[in-house]
Amino acid sequence: MATTPAGWEGILDDNESILWQGRPSGGVLWSDLLKFETFFGLFFAGFAVFWIYGAASMGRSVGSSGFGLVSTVFPLFGIPFVAVGLYMVVGRLFWDAYQRGRTWYTLSDKAAYIATEALGKRALKRYPFEDMTAPSLDDGQPGSVWFAEELRTHTSRRRHTTARGTSYSGPSRTHITRVPVGFRRIDEARAVFRLINQHRDSDR
């Protein structure tokens, strides 16, 4: 029987052995500023700033009609949307760096493991070889090895804003995004890719 490494008791299967362990490279990826999210975030934040300016201008024009408090508070509702836009532009880059700095990868002869610890919460996900999609390699230094997909669902509604508040109209829309899962930005991407393919083939 294989000796279970410290900290892996009750996690590894019988006779399961660890082949490789590593972590993603750290730091902010400024090259991700060229992604679609950046341009959408700029548009989103810019529109929110324009809306705040318009609401404030309208508030000044009706301030003398007894709606002083409402006209002062109403433009503030646009601030969260500015924050969301700024997050899409640059905040997501720092969040991604934070997550990668708290991620650990392990490859055994039966499965891949991704461990995370963020905001005080620990998680460990296991991806058995038999459940993997065809592994793919993003070659480079560092490189990435992808072997699974996760489906993320987002529901949105059309937003209609009036001077008295915000209401929703129209049916909701559900968007499903396929997100690749794997060992991201690792130094030994080619070697890990080869190990996964070798042991997937031997399990068939």
N, C-alpha and C. Protein backbone atom coordinates (compact mmCIF):
# COMPACT_ATOMS: atom_id res chain seq x y z
N MET A 1 0.85 -1.20 0.00
CA MET A 1 0.00 0.00 0.00
C MET A 1 0.88 1.24 0.00
N ALA A 2 0.53 2.24 -0.79
CA ALA A 2 1.32 3.45 -0.87
C ALA A 2 1.20 4.25 0.43
N THR A 3 2.29 4.90 0.82
CA THR A 3 2.29 5.73 2.02
C THR A 3 1.58 7.05 1.73
N THR A 4 0.59 7.38 2.56
CA THR A 4 -0.16 8.61 2.36
C THR A 4 0.61 9.79 2.92
N PRO A 5 0.87 10.82 2.12
CA PRO A 5 1.60 11.99 2.61
C PRO A 5 0.84 12.70 3.72
N ALA A 6 1.57 13.38 4.59
CA ALA A 6 0.94 14.11 5.69
C ALA A 6 -0.02 15.16 5.15
N GLY A 7 -1.20 15.22 5.76
CA GLY A 7 -2.21 16.17 5.33
C GLY A 7 -3.19 15.62 4.32
N TRP A 8 -2.90 14.44 3.77
CA TRP A 8 -3.77 13.84 2.76
C TRP A 8 -4.51 12.62 3.28
N GLU A 9 -4.45 12.39 4.57
CA GLU A 9 -5.16 11.25 5.15
C GLU A 9 -6.67 11.40 4.94
N GLY A 10 -7.31 10.35 4.47
CA GLY A 10 -8.74 10.37 4.24
C GLY A 10 -9.16 11.04 2.95
N ILE A 11 -8.20 11.50 2.16
CA ILE A 11 -8.51 12.16 0.89
C ILE A 11 -8.12 11.28 -0.29
N LEU A 12 -6.89 10.78 -0.28
CA LEU A 12 -6.44 9.92 -1.36
C LEU A 12 -7.07 8.54 -1.26
N ASP A 13 -7.34 7.93 -2.41
CA ASP A 13 -7.83 6.56 -2.44
C ASP A 13 -6.71 5.60 -2.05
N ASP A 14 -7.10 4.37 -1.78
CA ASP A 14 -6.10 3.33 -1.51
C ASP A 14 -5.18 3.18 -2.72
N ASN A 15 -3.90 3.10 -2.45
CA ASN A 15 -2.88 2.92 -3.50
C ASN A 15 -2.80 4.11 -4.46
N GLU A 16 -3.33 5.25 -4.07
CA GLU A 16 -3.22 6.46 -4.89
C GLU A 16 -1.95 7.22 -4.50
N SER A 17 -1.15 7.57 -5.47
CA SER A 17 0.13 8.23 -5.22
C SER A 17 0.18 9.60 -5.87
N ILE A 18 0.83 10.53 -5.20
CA ILE A 18 0.99 11.88 -5.73
C ILE A 18 2.16 11.92 -6.70
N LEU A 19 1.90 12.47 -7.89
CA LEU A 19 2.92 12.57 -8.93
C LEU A 19 3.57 13.95 -9.00
N TRP A 20 2.79 14.97 -8.71
CA TRP A 20 3.30 16.34 -8.87
C TRP A 20 2.48 17.29 -8.02
N GLN A 21 3.14 18.33 -7.52
CA GLN A 21 2.46 19.39 -6.79
C GLN A 21 3.07 20.73 -7.20
N GLY A 22 2.24 21.76 -7.28
CA GLY A 22 2.73 23.07 -7.66
C GLY A 22 1.69 24.14 -7.38
N ARG A 23 2.05 25.37 -7.76
CA ARG A 23 1.17 26.51 -7.55
C ARG A 23 1.21 27.41 -8.79
N PRO A 24 0.14 28.16 -9.02
CA PRO A 24 0.16 29.10 -10.15
C PRO A 24 1.10 30.26 -9.86
N SER A 25 1.64 30.84 -10.91
CA SER A 25 2.49 32.01 -10.74
C SER A 25 1.66 33.17 -10.21
N GLY A 26 2.31 34.05 -9.45
CA GLY A 26 1.60 35.15 -8.81
C GLY A 26 1.71 36.44 -9.60
N GLY A 27 1.19 37.49 -8.99
CA GLY A 27 1.28 38.81 -9.60
C GLY A 27 0.06 39.18 -10.42
N VAL A 28 -0.10 40.47 -10.64
CA VAL A 28 -1.21 40.99 -11.44
C VAL A 28 -0.89 40.82 -12.93
N LEU A 29 -1.84 40.28 -13.67
CA LEU A 29 -1.67 40.07 -15.11
C LEU A 29 -2.22 41.28 -15.86
N TRP A 30 -1.35 42.26 -16.08
CA TRP A 30 -1.80 43.48 -16.74
C TRP A 30 -2.20 43.23 -18.19
N SER A 31 -1.71 42.15 -18.77
CA SER A 31 -2.09 41.84 -20.15
C SER A 31 -3.58 41.54 -20.27
N ASP A 32 -4.23 41.16 -19.15
CA ASP A 32 -5.66 40.89 -19.19
C ASP A 32 -6.49 42.16 -19.37
N LEU A 33 -5.84 43.32 -19.32
CA LEU A 33 -6.57 44.56 -19.61
C LEU A 33 -7.08 44.60 -21.04
N LEU A 34 -6.50 43.77 -21.90
CA LEU A 34 -6.90 43.75 -23.30
C LEU A 34 -8.12 42.88 -23.55
N LYS A 35 -8.68 42.29 -22.51
CA LYS A 35 -9.85 41.43 -22.68
C LYS A 35 -11.13 42.25 -22.80
N PHE A 36 -12.18 41.57 -23.26
CA PHE A 36 -13.46 42.23 -23.50
C PHE A 36 -14.02 42.88 -22.24
N GLU A 37 -13.79 42.25 -21.07
CA GLU A 37 -14.34 42.77 -19.82
C GLU A 37 -13.90 44.21 -19.55
N THR A 38 -12.68 44.54 -19.95
CA THR A 38 -12.17 45.89 -19.71
C THR A 38 -12.99 46.92 -20.47
N PHE A 39 -13.23 46.69 -21.74
CA PHE A 39 -13.96 47.65 -22.57
C PHE A 39 -15.42 47.74 -22.15
N PHE A 40 -16.01 46.59 -21.77
CA PHE A 40 -17.38 46.62 -21.29
C PHE A 40 -17.45 47.37 -19.97
N GLY A 41 -16.46 47.16 -19.09
CA GLY A 41 -16.43 47.87 -17.81
C GLY A 41 -16.29 49.37 -17.98
N LEU A 42 -15.47 49.79 -18.95
CA LEU A 42 -15.33 51.22 -19.22
C LEU A 42 -16.66 51.82 -19.67
N PHE A 43 -17.35 51.10 -20.55
CA PHE A 43 -18.66 51.57 -21.02
C PHE A 43 -19.66 51.61 -19.86
N PHE A 44 -19.66 50.56 -19.04
CA PHE A 44 -20.59 50.45 -17.92
C PHE A 44 -20.37 51.58 -16.92
N ALA A 45 -19.09 51.79 -16.54
CA ALA A 45 -18.77 52.85 -15.57
C ALA A 45 -19.05 54.23 -16.16
N GLY A 46 -18.71 54.42 -17.44
CA GLY A 46 -18.96 55.71 -18.08
C GLY A 46 -20.43 56.04 -18.14
N PHE A 47 -21.25 55.04 -18.47
CA PHE A 47 -22.69 55.26 -18.52
C PHE A 47 -23.23 55.60 -17.13
N ALA A 48 -22.71 54.92 -16.09
CA ALA A 48 -23.16 55.18 -14.72
C ALA A 48 -22.79 56.60 -14.29
N VAL A 49 -21.58 57.05 -14.64
CA VAL A 49 -21.18 58.42 -14.31
C VAL A 49 -22.08 59.43 -15.03
N PHE A 50 -22.38 59.17 -16.29
CA PHE A 50 -23.28 60.04 -17.04
C PHE A 50 -24.66 60.07 -16.40
N TRP A 51 -25.13 58.91 -15.93
CA TRP A 51 -26.45 58.84 -15.28
C TRP A 51 -26.44 59.64 -13.98
N ILE A 52 -25.37 59.51 -13.19
CA ILE A 52 -25.28 60.26 -11.93
C ILE A 52 -25.30 61.76 -12.20
N TYR A 53 -24.54 62.17 -13.21
CA TYR A 53 -24.51 63.60 -13.56
C TYR A 53 -25.90 64.08 -13.98
N GLY A 54 -26.59 63.27 -14.81
CA GLY A 54 -27.92 63.66 -15.24
C GLY A 54 -28.90 63.72 -14.09
N ALA A 55 -28.83 62.74 -13.18
CA ALA A 55 -29.73 62.72 -12.03
C ALA A 55 -29.46 63.90 -11.11
N ALA A 56 -28.17 64.23 -10.93
CA ALA A 56 -27.83 65.37 -10.08
C ALA A 56 -28.31 66.68 -10.69
N SER A 57 -28.18 66.81 -12.01
CA SER A 57 -28.64 68.02 -12.69
C SER A 57 -30.15 68.15 -12.58
N MET A 58 -30.86 67.04 -12.73
CA MET A 58 -32.31 67.06 -12.61
C MET A 58 -32.71 67.39 -11.18
N GLY A 59 -31.91 66.88 -10.21
CA GLY A 59 -32.21 67.16 -8.82
C GLY A 59 -32.08 68.64 -8.48
N ARG A 60 -31.10 69.29 -9.08
CA ARG A 60 -30.94 70.73 -8.83
C ARG A 60 -32.11 71.53 -9.39
N SER A 61 -32.65 71.04 -10.51
CA SER A 61 -33.75 71.78 -11.14
C SER A 61 -35.06 71.63 -10.39
N VAL A 62 -35.22 70.52 -9.63
CA VAL A 62 -36.47 70.31 -8.88
C VAL A 62 -36.27 70.49 -7.40
N GLY A 63 -35.07 70.91 -7.00
CA GLY A 63 -34.77 71.03 -5.58
C GLY A 63 -35.68 71.99 -4.85
N SER A 64 -36.14 73.01 -5.52
CA SER A 64 -36.98 74.01 -4.87
C SER A 64 -38.44 73.60 -4.78
N SER A 65 -38.79 72.43 -5.30
CA SER A 65 -40.20 72.02 -5.32
C SER A 65 -40.54 71.07 -4.18
N GLY A 66 -39.67 70.98 -3.17
CA GLY A 66 -39.98 70.16 -2.01
C GLY A 66 -39.39 68.77 -2.05
N PHE A 67 -38.60 68.44 -3.07
CA PHE A 67 -37.99 67.12 -3.17
C PHE A 67 -36.48 67.20 -2.93
N GLY A 68 -36.07 68.12 -2.04
CA GLY A 68 -34.64 68.35 -1.83
C GLY A 68 -33.89 67.10 -1.42
N LEU A 69 -34.40 66.37 -0.42
CA LEU A 69 -33.71 65.17 0.07
C LEU A 69 -33.67 64.09 -1.00
N VAL A 70 -34.79 63.88 -1.68
CA VAL A 70 -34.85 62.86 -2.73
C VAL A 70 -33.88 63.20 -3.85
N SER A 71 -33.86 64.45 -4.26
CA SER A 71 -32.98 64.85 -5.36
C SER A 71 -31.52 64.76 -4.98
N THR A 72 -31.22 64.83 -3.67
CA THR A 72 -29.84 64.70 -3.21
C THR A 72 -29.41 63.24 -3.13
N VAL A 73 -30.31 62.39 -2.65
CA VAL A 73 -29.98 60.98 -2.44
C VAL A 73 -30.04 60.18 -3.73
N PHE A 74 -30.97 60.52 -4.62
CA PHE A 74 -31.20 59.70 -5.81
C PHE A 74 -29.96 59.48 -6.66
N PRO A 75 -29.12 60.51 -6.92
CA PRO A 75 -27.91 60.25 -7.73
C PRO A 75 -26.96 59.25 -7.11
N LEU A 76 -27.03 59.08 -5.78
CA LEU A 76 -26.12 58.15 -5.11
C LEU A 76 -26.37 56.70 -5.51
N PHE A 77 -27.56 56.41 -6.03
CA PHE A 77 -27.86 55.04 -6.44
C PHE A 77 -26.99 54.61 -7.62
N GLY A 78 -26.38 55.54 -8.31
CA GLY A 78 -25.51 55.18 -9.43
C GLY A 78 -24.11 54.78 -9.00
N ILE A 79 -23.74 55.07 -7.75
CA ILE A 79 -22.37 54.78 -7.30
C ILE A 79 -22.05 53.29 -7.36
N PRO A 80 -22.95 52.38 -6.90
CA PRO A 80 -22.61 50.94 -7.01
C PRO A 80 -22.33 50.50 -8.45
N PHE A 81 -23.00 51.12 -9.42
CA PHE A 81 -22.78 50.73 -10.81
C PHE A 81 -21.43 51.23 -11.31
N VAL A 82 -21.00 52.38 -10.80
CA VAL A 82 -19.64 52.84 -11.12
C VAL A 82 -18.63 51.86 -10.55
N ALA A 83 -18.88 51.40 -9.31
CA ALA A 83 -17.96 50.46 -8.67
C ALA A 83 -17.89 49.15 -9.44
N VAL A 84 -19.03 48.66 -9.93
CA VAL A 84 -19.04 47.43 -10.72
C VAL A 84 -18.22 47.61 -12.00
N GLY A 85 -18.40 48.75 -12.65
CA GLY A 85 -17.64 49.02 -13.87
C GLY A 85 -16.14 49.07 -13.61
N LEU A 86 -15.73 49.71 -12.52
CA LEU A 86 -14.31 49.79 -12.19
C LEU A 86 -13.75 48.42 -11.84
N TYR A 87 -14.59 47.58 -11.20
CA TYR A 87 -14.13 46.22 -10.91
C TYR A 87 -13.86 45.46 -12.20
N MET A 88 -14.75 45.60 -13.18
CA MET A 88 -14.55 44.90 -14.45
C MET A 88 -13.31 45.41 -15.18
N VAL A 89 -12.96 46.68 -14.97
CA VAL A 89 -11.78 47.23 -15.64
C VAL A 89 -10.50 46.77 -14.98
N VAL A 90 -10.37 47.01 -13.67
CA VAL A 90 -9.10 46.74 -13.01
C VAL A 90 -9.23 45.90 -11.74
N GLY A 91 -10.36 45.98 -11.06
CA GLY A 91 -10.51 45.24 -9.80
C GLY A 91 -10.39 43.74 -9.97
N ARG A 92 -10.91 43.23 -11.09
CA ARG A 92 -10.85 41.78 -11.33
C ARG A 92 -9.41 41.29 -11.45
N LEU A 93 -8.50 42.15 -11.91
CA LEU A 93 -7.10 41.74 -12.04
C LEU A 93 -6.48 41.48 -10.67
N PHE A 94 -6.79 42.33 -9.70
CA PHE A 94 -6.26 42.15 -8.35
C PHE A 94 -6.93 40.98 -7.64
N TRP A 95 -8.22 40.77 -7.91
CA TRP A 95 -8.91 39.62 -7.32
C TRP A 95 -8.35 38.32 -7.87
N ASP A 96 -8.05 38.30 -9.16
CA ASP A 96 -7.45 37.12 -9.78
C ASP A 96 -6.08 36.82 -9.17
N ALA A 97 -5.28 37.87 -8.96
CA ALA A 97 -3.96 37.68 -8.35
C ALA A 97 -4.10 37.17 -6.92
N TYR A 98 -5.08 37.68 -6.20
CA TYR A 98 -5.34 37.22 -4.83
C TYR A 98 -5.71 35.74 -4.81
N GLN A 99 -6.58 35.33 -5.73
CA GLN A 99 -7.00 33.93 -5.78
C GLN A 99 -5.84 33.01 -6.14
N ARG A 100 -5.05 33.40 -7.14
CA ARG A 100 -3.91 32.56 -7.53
C ARG A 100 -2.90 32.43 -6.41
N GLY A 101 -2.77 33.48 -5.59
CA GLY A 101 -1.84 33.43 -4.47
C GLY A 101 -2.29 32.50 -3.36
N ARG A 102 -3.52 32.01 -3.45
CA ARG A 102 -4.07 31.12 -2.42
C ARG A 102 -4.63 29.84 -3.06
N THR A 103 -3.93 29.38 -4.09
CA THR A 103 -4.33 28.17 -4.81
C THR A 103 -3.16 27.20 -4.86
N TRP A 104 -3.48 25.89 -4.69
CA TRP A 104 -2.47 24.83 -4.73
C TRP A 104 -2.96 23.72 -5.65
N TYR A 105 -2.05 23.17 -6.43
CA TYR A 105 -2.37 22.12 -7.38
C TYR A 105 -1.67 20.82 -6.99
N THR A 106 -2.39 19.72 -7.17
CA THR A 106 -1.83 18.39 -6.93
C THR A 106 -2.31 17.44 -8.02
N LEU A 107 -1.40 16.63 -8.53
CA LEU A 107 -1.74 15.61 -9.51
C LEU A 107 -1.32 14.26 -8.96
N SER A 108 -2.28 13.34 -8.89
CA SER A 108 -1.98 11.97 -8.48
C SER A 108 -2.09 11.05 -9.69
N ASP A 109 -1.91 9.77 -9.46
CA ASP A 109 -2.03 8.82 -10.57
C ASP A 109 -3.48 8.45 -10.85
N LYS A 110 -4.44 9.14 -10.16
CA LYS A 110 -5.86 8.87 -10.39
C LYS A 110 -6.70 10.12 -10.64
N ALA A 111 -6.19 11.27 -10.21
CA ALA A 111 -7.02 12.48 -10.30
C ALA A 111 -6.16 13.73 -10.17
N ALA A 112 -6.79 14.85 -10.51
CA ALA A 112 -6.19 16.17 -10.28
C ALA A 112 -6.95 16.85 -9.14
N TYR A 113 -6.23 17.59 -8.33
CA TYR A 113 -6.81 18.28 -7.18
C TYR A 113 -6.48 19.77 -7.25
N ILE A 114 -7.48 20.58 -6.94
CA ILE A 114 -7.26 22.02 -6.85
C ILE A 114 -7.75 22.48 -5.48
N ALA A 115 -6.82 22.98 -4.67
CA ALA A 115 -7.13 23.45 -3.32
C ALA A 115 -7.07 24.98 -3.31
N THR A 116 -8.02 25.59 -2.64
CA THR A 116 -8.06 27.05 -2.53
C THR A 116 -8.34 27.45 -1.08
N GLU A 117 -7.87 28.62 -0.74
CA GLU A 117 -8.16 29.21 0.57
C GLU A 117 -8.29 30.71 0.38
N ALA A 118 -9.51 31.19 0.39
CA ALA A 118 -9.77 32.61 0.14
C ALA A 118 -10.84 33.11 1.10
N LEU A 119 -10.61 34.28 1.65
CA LEU A 119 -11.56 34.92 2.56
C LEU A 119 -11.93 34.00 3.72
N GLY A 120 -10.94 33.25 4.21
CA GLY A 120 -11.15 32.38 5.35
C GLY A 120 -11.84 31.07 5.04
N LYS A 121 -12.09 30.77 3.78
CA LYS A 121 -12.79 29.55 3.39
C LYS A 121 -11.86 28.64 2.60
N ARG A 122 -11.79 27.38 3.03
CA ARG A 122 -10.96 26.39 2.34
C ARG A 122 -11.84 25.48 1.48
N ALA A 123 -11.31 25.09 0.33
CA ALA A 123 -12.04 24.18 -0.57
C ALA A 123 -11.04 23.30 -1.30
N LEU A 124 -11.46 22.07 -1.57
CA LEU A 124 -10.65 21.12 -2.33
C LEU A 124 -11.56 20.43 -3.34
N LYS A 125 -11.21 20.52 -4.61
CA LYS A 125 -11.99 19.87 -5.67
C LYS A 125 -11.15 18.78 -6.32
N ARG A 126 -11.80 17.67 -6.57
CA ARG A 126 -11.13 16.51 -7.17
C ARG A 126 -11.70 16.27 -8.56
N TYR A 127 -10.81 16.03 -9.52
CA TYR A 127 -11.20 15.78 -10.91
C TYR A 127 -10.60 14.45 -11.35
N PRO A 128 -11.37 13.35 -11.22
CA PRO A 128 -10.85 12.03 -11.61
C PRO A 128 -10.54 11.98 -13.10
N PHE A 129 -9.59 11.15 -13.46
CA PHE A 129 -9.20 11.03 -14.87
C PHE A 129 -10.38 10.62 -15.75
N GLU A 130 -11.23 9.72 -15.23
CA GLU A 130 -12.32 9.22 -16.07
C GLU A 130 -13.37 10.28 -16.37
N ASP A 131 -13.41 11.36 -15.56
CA ASP A 131 -14.38 12.43 -15.78
C ASP A 131 -13.81 13.60 -16.57
N MET A 132 -12.54 13.54 -16.89
CA MET A 132 -11.91 14.67 -17.57
C MET A 132 -12.32 14.75 -19.03
N THR A 133 -12.45 15.98 -19.51
CA THR A 133 -12.55 16.18 -20.95
C THR A 133 -11.15 16.00 -21.54
N ALA A 134 -11.04 16.03 -22.85
CA ALA A 134 -9.73 15.87 -23.47
C ALA A 134 -8.80 16.98 -22.98
N PRO A 135 -7.73 16.65 -22.28
CA PRO A 135 -6.82 17.68 -21.76
C PRO A 135 -6.23 18.51 -22.89
N SER A 136 -6.01 19.78 -22.61
CA SER A 136 -5.38 20.67 -23.58
C SER A 136 -4.28 21.46 -22.90
N LEU A 137 -3.32 21.88 -23.70
CA LEU A 137 -2.14 22.58 -23.19
C LEU A 137 -2.05 23.97 -23.81
N ASP A 138 -1.95 24.98 -22.96
CA ASP A 138 -1.57 26.32 -23.40
C ASP A 138 -0.08 26.45 -23.12
N ASP A 139 0.71 26.24 -24.15
CA ASP A 139 2.16 26.19 -23.95
C ASP A 139 2.71 27.57 -23.65
N GLY A 140 3.74 27.61 -22.85
CA GLY A 140 4.36 28.88 -22.51
C GLY A 140 5.11 28.76 -21.20
N GLN A 141 5.69 29.86 -20.78
CA GLN A 141 6.42 29.88 -19.52
C GLN A 141 5.99 31.12 -18.73
N PRO A 142 4.99 30.97 -17.86
CA PRO A 142 4.31 29.72 -17.49
C PRO A 142 3.26 29.32 -18.53
N GLY A 143 2.79 28.07 -18.40
CA GLY A 143 1.75 27.54 -19.26
C GLY A 143 0.58 27.04 -18.43
N SER A 144 -0.45 26.57 -19.10
CA SER A 144 -1.65 26.08 -18.41
C SER A 144 -2.08 24.75 -19.00
N VAL A 145 -2.63 23.90 -18.15
CA VAL A 145 -3.16 22.61 -18.57
C VAL A 145 -4.63 22.57 -18.17
N TRP A 146 -5.51 22.40 -19.15
CA TRP A 146 -6.96 22.39 -18.91
C TRP A 146 -7.49 20.97 -19.06
N PHE A 147 -8.40 20.59 -18.16
CA PHE A 147 -8.92 19.22 -18.21
C PHE A 147 -10.39 19.10 -17.82
N ALA A 148 -11.07 20.20 -17.58
CA ALA A 148 -12.49 20.15 -17.20
C ALA A 148 -13.15 21.48 -17.54
N GLU A 149 -14.47 21.52 -17.37
CA GLU A 149 -15.24 22.74 -17.58
C GLU A 149 -16.25 22.90 -16.46
N GLU A 150 -16.53 24.14 -16.10
CA GLU A 150 -17.59 24.45 -15.16
C GLU A 150 -18.60 25.37 -15.83
N LEU A 151 -19.87 25.14 -15.55
CA LEU A 151 -20.93 25.98 -16.10
C LEU A 151 -21.33 27.02 -15.06
N ARG A 152 -21.29 28.28 -15.45
CA ARG A 152 -21.69 29.36 -14.56
C ARG A 152 -22.92 30.04 -15.13
N THR A 153 -23.93 30.21 -14.27
CA THR A 153 -25.21 30.76 -14.69
C THR A 153 -25.39 32.16 -14.13
N HIS A 154 -25.81 33.06 -14.98
CA HIS A 154 -26.06 34.45 -14.57
C HIS A 154 -27.42 34.87 -15.11
N THR A 155 -28.26 35.40 -14.24
CA THR A 155 -29.60 35.86 -14.63
C THR A 155 -29.65 37.38 -14.59
N SER A 156 -30.15 37.98 -15.64
CA SER A 156 -30.24 39.44 -15.71
C SER A 156 -31.64 39.85 -16.13
N ARG A 157 -31.99 41.09 -15.80
CA ARG A 157 -33.27 41.66 -16.20
C ARG A 157 -33.04 43.02 -16.82
N ARG A 158 -33.96 43.42 -17.68
CA ARG A 158 -33.89 44.76 -18.25
C ARG A 158 -34.21 45.77 -17.16
N ARG A 159 -33.42 46.81 -17.09
CA ARG A 159 -33.58 47.81 -16.04
C ARG A 159 -34.17 49.10 -16.63
N HIS A 160 -35.22 49.61 -15.98
CA HIS A 160 -35.84 50.87 -16.40
C HIS A 160 -35.81 51.82 -15.22
N THR A 161 -35.19 52.97 -15.39
CA THR A 161 -35.02 53.93 -14.31
C THR A 161 -35.89 55.16 -14.55
N THR A 162 -36.57 55.58 -13.48
CA THR A 162 -37.39 56.78 -13.54
C THR A 162 -36.91 57.75 -12.47
N ALA A 163 -37.47 58.93 -12.48
CA ALA A 163 -37.07 59.94 -11.49
C ALA A 163 -37.50 59.57 -10.08
N ARG A 164 -38.45 58.65 -9.96
CA ARG A 164 -38.94 58.27 -8.64
C ARG A 164 -38.31 56.98 -8.11
N GLY A 165 -37.52 56.35 -8.89
CA GLY A 165 -36.92 55.11 -8.42
C GLY A 165 -36.57 54.20 -9.58
N THR A 166 -36.30 52.97 -9.24
CA THR A 166 -35.89 51.99 -10.24
C THR A 166 -36.88 50.85 -10.28
N SER A 167 -37.34 50.48 -11.45
CA SER A 167 -38.26 49.36 -11.61
C SER A 167 -37.69 48.42 -12.65
N TYR A 168 -38.18 47.20 -12.66
CA TYR A 168 -37.72 46.20 -13.62
C TYR A 168 -38.85 45.84 -14.57
N SER A 169 -38.52 45.67 -15.82
CA SER A 169 -39.52 45.30 -16.81
C SER A 169 -38.92 44.29 -17.77
N GLY A 170 -39.79 43.54 -18.41
CA GLY A 170 -39.31 42.56 -19.37
C GLY A 170 -38.92 41.26 -18.68
N PRO A 171 -38.85 40.18 -19.45
CA PRO A 171 -38.50 38.87 -18.89
C PRO A 171 -37.02 38.80 -18.50
N SER A 172 -36.73 37.95 -17.53
CA SER A 172 -35.34 37.75 -17.15
C SER A 172 -34.65 36.86 -18.17
N ARG A 173 -33.35 37.02 -18.28
CA ARG A 173 -32.55 36.23 -19.21
C ARG A 173 -31.48 35.47 -18.45
N THR A 174 -31.31 34.23 -18.80
CA THR A 174 -30.30 33.39 -18.16
C THR A 174 -29.15 33.16 -19.13
N HIS A 175 -27.96 33.48 -18.68
CA HIS A 175 -26.76 33.31 -19.50
C HIS A 175 -25.90 32.21 -18.88
N ILE A 176 -25.47 31.27 -19.70
CA ILE A 176 -24.62 30.18 -19.24
C ILE A 176 -23.25 30.32 -19.89
N THR A 177 -22.23 30.34 -19.06
CA THR A 177 -20.86 30.49 -19.55
C THR A 177 -20.05 29.25 -19.19
N ARG A 178 -19.31 28.73 -20.15
CA ARG A 178 -18.42 27.60 -19.90
C ARG A 178 -17.03 28.12 -19.53
N VAL A 179 -16.59 27.75 -18.34
CA VAL A 179 -15.30 28.22 -17.84
C VAL A 179 -14.34 27.05 -17.77
N PRO A 180 -13.18 27.13 -18.44
CA PRO A 180 -12.22 26.02 -18.38
C PRO A 180 -11.62 25.89 -16.98
N VAL A 181 -11.34 24.65 -16.59
CA VAL A 181 -10.76 24.35 -15.28
C VAL A 181 -9.47 23.58 -15.48
N GLY A 182 -8.47 23.90 -14.71
CA GLY A 182 -7.21 23.17 -14.82
C GLY A 182 -6.13 23.79 -13.98
N PHE A 183 -4.90 23.41 -14.28
CA PHE A 183 -3.73 23.95 -13.61
C PHE A 183 -3.27 25.17 -14.40
N ARG A 184 -3.52 26.32 -13.87
CA ARG A 184 -3.31 27.57 -14.60
C ARG A 184 -1.96 28.20 -14.27
N ARG A 185 -1.25 28.62 -15.30
CA ARG A 185 0.00 29.36 -15.16
C ARG A 185 1.00 28.64 -14.25
N ILE A 186 1.40 27.44 -14.67
CA ILE A 186 2.39 26.67 -13.93
C ILE A 186 3.67 26.58 -14.75
N ASP A 187 4.79 26.39 -14.06
CA ASP A 187 6.09 26.38 -14.73
C ASP A 187 6.37 25.08 -15.49
N GLU A 188 5.74 23.98 -15.07
CA GLU A 188 6.02 22.68 -15.67
C GLU A 188 4.83 22.18 -16.46
N ALA A 189 4.23 23.05 -17.24
CA ALA A 189 2.98 22.71 -17.93
C ALA A 189 3.14 21.52 -18.87
N ARG A 190 4.21 21.47 -19.65
CA ARG A 190 4.39 20.36 -20.58
C ARG A 190 4.52 19.03 -19.85
N ALA A 191 5.32 19.00 -18.79
CA ALA A 191 5.52 17.76 -18.04
C ALA A 191 4.22 17.29 -17.40
N VAL A 192 3.46 18.22 -16.84
CA VAL A 192 2.19 17.86 -16.20
C VAL A 192 1.19 17.37 -17.25
N PHE A 193 1.14 18.02 -18.39
CA PHE A 193 0.26 17.60 -19.48
C PHE A 193 0.59 16.17 -19.90
N ARG A 194 1.87 15.86 -20.00
CA ARG A 194 2.29 14.51 -20.39
C ARG A 194 1.90 13.49 -19.31
N LEU A 195 2.06 13.83 -18.04
CA LEU A 195 1.70 12.92 -16.96
C LEU A 195 0.20 12.61 -16.97
N ILE A 196 -0.61 13.62 -17.18
CA ILE A 196 -2.07 13.41 -17.21
C ILE A 196 -2.44 12.46 -18.34
N ASN A 197 -1.91 12.69 -19.52
CA ASN A 197 -2.23 11.83 -20.66
C ASN A 197 -1.75 10.40 -20.45
N GLN A 198 -0.56 10.24 -19.89
CA GLN A 198 -0.03 8.90 -19.66
C GLN A 198 -0.92 8.11 -18.71
N HIS A 199 -1.34 8.73 -17.62
CA HIS A 199 -2.12 7.99 -16.62
C HIS A 199 -3.58 7.87 -17.02
N ARG A 200 -4.10 8.79 -17.82
CA ARG A 200 -5.45 8.61 -18.34
C ARG A 200 -5.48 7.41 -19.28
N ASP A 201 -4.46 7.27 -20.12
CA ASP A 201 -4.40 6.14 -21.06
C ASP A 201 -4.24 4.82 -20.32
N SER A 202 -3.48 4.82 -19.23
CA SER A 202 -3.25 3.57 -18.50
C SER A 202 -4.48 3.12 -17.74
N ASP A 203 -5.39 4.06 -17.43
CA ASP A 203 -6.61 3.72 -16.70
C ASP A 203 -7.70 3.17 -17.61
N ARG A 204 -7.52 3.27 -18.91
CA ARG A 204 -8.57 2.82 -19.84
C ARG A 204 -8.49 1.31 -20.06
